[in-house]
Amino acid sequence: MTKKKAGQAKSVTRATARRLESKKATEKGSTSDQFQLCLPNEMWDKLAEAATANERSLNDEIIHRLTQSLERDGMQKKLSQHLKIQGDRLAKVEGEIAALVQQLRLKDE
């Protein structure tokens, strides 16, 4: 019986959160696309806790975290490209050094 009550309390909390999200979106005059998102209970709870700690709505917390993730992806792509360019430069310099070493060996003979 206790388990059932705990589950009901969580449902009420989630239902309340959904109503608040809907109300905030309406108040902001949101024109963004909306869709239903199904999250595992544990993830939903962690996001709700983080939203509260960061003084954001659950929706704003999810958007913030997705934005950070996408920005990180962009930075990783740029870093990857930069490292490739530096690797190519290093390979070129190594080739030039090898050629110089070869020339010096030929002169010594």
C-alpha atoms as a PDB file:
ATOM      1  CA  MET A   1       0.000   0.000   0.000  1.00  0.00           C
ATOM      2  CA  THR A   2       2.848   2.391   0.806  1.00  0.00           C
ATOM      3  CA  LYS A   3       4.419   1.702  -2.555  1.00  0.00           C
ATOM      4  CA  LYS A   4       1.186   2.623  -4.321  1.00  0.00           C
ATOM      5  CA  LYS A   5       0.905   5.922  -2.458  1.00  0.00           C
ATOM      6  CA  ALA A   6       4.491   6.843  -3.326  1.00  0.00           C
ATOM      7  CA  GLY A   7       3.768   6.134  -6.989  1.00  0.00           C
ATOM      8  CA  GLN A   8       0.618   8.241  -6.851  1.00  0.00           C
ATOM      9  CA  ALA A   9       2.512  11.111  -5.250  1.00  0.00           C
ATOM     10  CA  LYS A  10       5.069  11.037  -8.036  1.00  0.00           C
ATOM     11  CA  SER A  11       2.292  11.073 -10.657  1.00  0.00           C
ATOM     12  CA  VAL A  12       0.705  14.091  -9.034  1.00  0.00           C
ATOM     13  CA  THR A  13       4.068  15.834  -8.933  1.00  0.00           C
ATOM     14  CA  ARG A  14       4.655  15.098 -12.601  1.00  0.00           C
ATOM     15  CA  ALA A  15       1.141  16.151 -13.558  1.00  0.00           C
ATOM     16  CA  THR A  16       1.595  19.390 -11.652  1.00  0.00           C
ATOM     17  CA  ALA A  17       4.948  19.974 -13.351  1.00  0.00           C
ATOM     18  CA  ARG A  18       3.395  19.412 -16.770  1.00  0.00           C
ATOM     19  CA  ARG A  19       0.623  21.909 -16.050  1.00  0.00           C
ATOM     20  CA  LEU A  20       3.178  24.475 -14.887  1.00  0.00           C
ATOM     21  CA  GLU A  21       5.288  23.909 -17.998  1.00  0.00           C
ATOM     22  CA  SER A  22       2.248  24.367 -20.202  1.00  0.00           C
ATOM     23  CA  LYS A  23       1.240  27.520 -18.339  1.00  0.00           C
ATOM     24  CA  LYS A  24       4.745  29.021 -18.602  1.00  0.00           C
ATOM     25  CA  ALA A  25       4.905  28.283 -22.329  1.00  0.00           C
ATOM     26  CA  THR A  26       1.551  29.987 -22.827  1.00  0.00           C
ATOM     27  CA  GLU A  27       2.613  32.992 -20.739  1.00  0.00           C
ATOM     28  CA  LYS A  28       5.828  33.381 -22.734  1.00  0.00           C
ATOM     29  CA  GLY A  29       3.899  33.279 -26.005  1.00  0.00           C
ATOM     30  CA  SER A  30       5.977  30.324 -27.091  1.00  0.00           C
ATOM     31  CA  THR A  31       5.834  29.529 -30.770  1.00  0.00           C
ATOM     32  CA  SER A  32       8.248  26.586 -30.604  1.00  0.00           C
ATOM     33  CA  ASP A  33       7.217  23.159 -31.755  1.00  0.00           C
ATOM     34  CA  GLN A  34       6.010  20.919 -28.978  1.00  0.00           C
ATOM     35  CA  PHE A  35       6.301  17.169 -28.663  1.00  0.00           C
ATOM     36  CA  GLN A  36       5.827  14.554 -26.022  1.00  0.00           C
ATOM     37  CA  LEU A  37       9.034  13.237 -24.477  1.00  0.00           C
ATOM     38  CA  CYS A  38       9.173   9.956 -22.604  1.00  0.00           C
ATOM     39  CA  LEU A  39      12.002   9.728 -20.092  1.00  0.00           C
ATOM     40  CA  PRO A  40      12.968   6.957 -17.682  1.00  0.00           C
ATOM     41  CA  ASN A  41      11.751   7.816 -14.165  1.00  0.00           C
ATOM     42  CA  GLU A  42      15.280   8.144 -12.782  1.00  0.00           C
ATOM     43  CA  MET A  43      16.315  10.573 -15.526  1.00  0.00           C
ATOM     44  CA  TRP A  44      13.149  12.630 -15.086  1.00  0.00           C
ATOM     45  CA  ASP A  45      13.817  12.857 -11.351  1.00  0.00           C
ATOM     46  CA  LYS A  46      17.444  13.954 -11.870  1.00  0.00           C
ATOM     47  CA  LEU A  47      16.429  16.578 -14.429  1.00  0.00           C
ATOM     48  CA  ALA A  48      13.688  17.873 -12.128  1.00  0.00           C
ATOM     49  CA  GLU A  49      16.179  18.138  -9.246  1.00  0.00           C
ATOM     50  CA  ALA A  50      18.696  19.943 -11.464  1.00  0.00           C
ATOM     51  CA  ALA A  51      16.001  22.311 -12.745  1.00  0.00           C
ATOM     52  CA  THR A  52      15.030  23.193  -9.190  1.00  0.00           C
ATOM     53  CA  ALA A  53      18.671  23.671  -8.148  1.00  0.00           C
ATOM     54  CA  ASN A  54      19.319  25.891 -11.185  1.00  0.00           C
ATOM     55  CA  GLU A  55      16.035  27.775 -10.732  1.00  0.00           C
ATOM     56  CA  ARG A  56      14.826  26.759 -14.189  1.00  0.00           C
ATOM     57  CA  SER A  57      11.714  25.064 -15.423  1.00  0.00           C
ATOM     58  CA  LEU A  58      12.113  21.436 -16.446  1.00  0.00           C
ATOM     59  CA  ASN A  59      11.729  22.487 -20.084  1.00  0.00           C
ATOM     60  CA  ASP A  60      14.402  25.181 -19.740  1.00  0.00           C
ATOM     61  CA  GLU A  61      16.743  22.705 -18.029  1.00  0.00           C
ATOM     62  CA  ILE A  62      16.359  20.198 -20.869  1.00  0.00           C
ATOM     63  CA  ILE A  63      16.903  22.929 -23.491  1.00  0.00           C
ATOM     64  CA  HIS A  64      19.967  24.207 -21.603  1.00  0.00           C
ATOM     65  CA  ARG A  65      21.505  20.742 -21.412  1.00  0.00           C
ATOM     66  CA  LEU A  66      20.782  19.954 -25.052  1.00  0.00           C
ATOM     67  CA  THR A  67      22.282  23.284 -26.103  1.00  0.00           C
ATOM     68  CA  GLN A  68      25.447  22.545 -24.099  1.00  0.00           C
ATOM     69  CA  SER A  69      25.689  19.100 -25.661  1.00  0.00           C
ATOM     70  CA  LEU A  70      25.311  20.455 -29.205  1.00  0.00           C
ATOM     71  CA  GLU A  71      27.882  23.186 -28.547  1.00  0.00           C
ATOM     72  CA  ARG A  72      30.297  20.560 -27.189  1.00  0.00           C
ATOM     73  CA  ASP A  73      29.770  18.495 -30.339  1.00  0.00           C
ATOM     74  CA  GLY A  74      30.625  21.540 -32.444  1.00  0.00           C
ATOM     75  CA  MET A  75      33.755  22.244 -30.405  1.00  0.00           C
ATOM     76  CA  GLN A  76      34.854  18.611 -30.663  1.00  0.00           C
ATOM     77  CA  LYS A  77      34.464  18.739 -34.442  1.00  0.00           C
ATOM     78  CA  LYS A  78      36.552  21.940 -34.649  1.00  0.00           C
ATOM     79  CA  LEU A  79      39.193  20.466 -32.346  1.00  0.00           C
ATOM     80  CA  SER A  80      39.313  17.314 -34.429  1.00  0.00           C
ATOM     81  CA  GLN A  81      39.817  19.338 -37.611  1.00  0.00           C
ATOM     82  CA  HIS A  82      42.506  21.447 -35.916  1.00  0.00           C
ATOM     83  CA  LEU A  83      44.354  18.337 -34.698  1.00  0.00           C
ATOM     84  CA  LYS A  84      44.249  16.843 -38.188  1.00  0.00           C
ATOM     85  CA  ILE A  85      45.741  20.014 -39.664  1.00  0.00           C
ATOM     86  CA  GLN A  86      48.482  20.039 -37.004  1.00  0.00           C
ATOM     87  CA  GLY A  87      49.161  16.344 -37.621  1.00  0.00           C
ATOM     88  CA  ASP A  88      49.506  16.991 -41.346  1.00  0.00           C
ATOM     89  CA  ARG A  89      51.934  19.860 -40.650  1.00  0.00           C
ATOM     90  CA  LEU A  90      53.966  17.690 -38.309  1.00  0.00           C
ATOM     91  CA  ALA A  91      54.166  14.918 -40.916  1.00  0.00           C
ATOM     92  CA  LYS A  92      55.397  17.463 -43.478  1.00  0.00           C
ATOM     93  CA  VAL A  93      58.097  18.777 -41.106  1.00  0.00           C
ATOM     94  CA  GLU A  94      59.177  15.219 -40.253  1.00  0.00           C
ATOM     95  CA  GLY A  95      59.510  14.512 -43.983  1.00  0.00           C
ATOM     96  CA  GLU A  96      61.617  17.634 -44.461  1.00  0.00           C
ATOM     97  CA  ILE A  97      63.855  16.668 -41.531  1.00  0.00           C
ATOM     98  CA  ALA A  98      64.298  13.167 -42.941  1.00  0.00           C
ATOM     99  CA  ALA A  99      65.267  14.659 -46.314  1.00  0.00           C
ATOM    100  CA  LEU A 100      67.816  16.976 -44.658  1.00  0.00           C
ATOM    101  CA  VAL A 101      69.296  14.079 -42.672  1.00  0.00           C
ATOM    102  CA  GLN A 102      69.602  12.083 -45.885  1.00  0.00           C
ATOM    103  CA  GLN A 103      71.371  14.991 -47.617  1.00  0.00           C
ATOM    104  CA  LEU A 104      73.822  15.323 -44.716  1.00  0.00           C
ATOM    105  CA  ARG A 105      74.607  11.598 -44.857  1.00  0.00           C
ATOM    106  CA  LEU A 106      75.285  11.821 -48.580  1.00  0.00           C
ATOM    107  CA  LYS A 107      77.673  14.773 -48.054  1.00  0.00           C
ATOM    108  CA  ASP A 108      79.613  12.861 -45.354  1.00  0.00           C
ATOM    109  CA  GLU A 109      80.213   9.893 -47.635  1.00  0.00           C
END
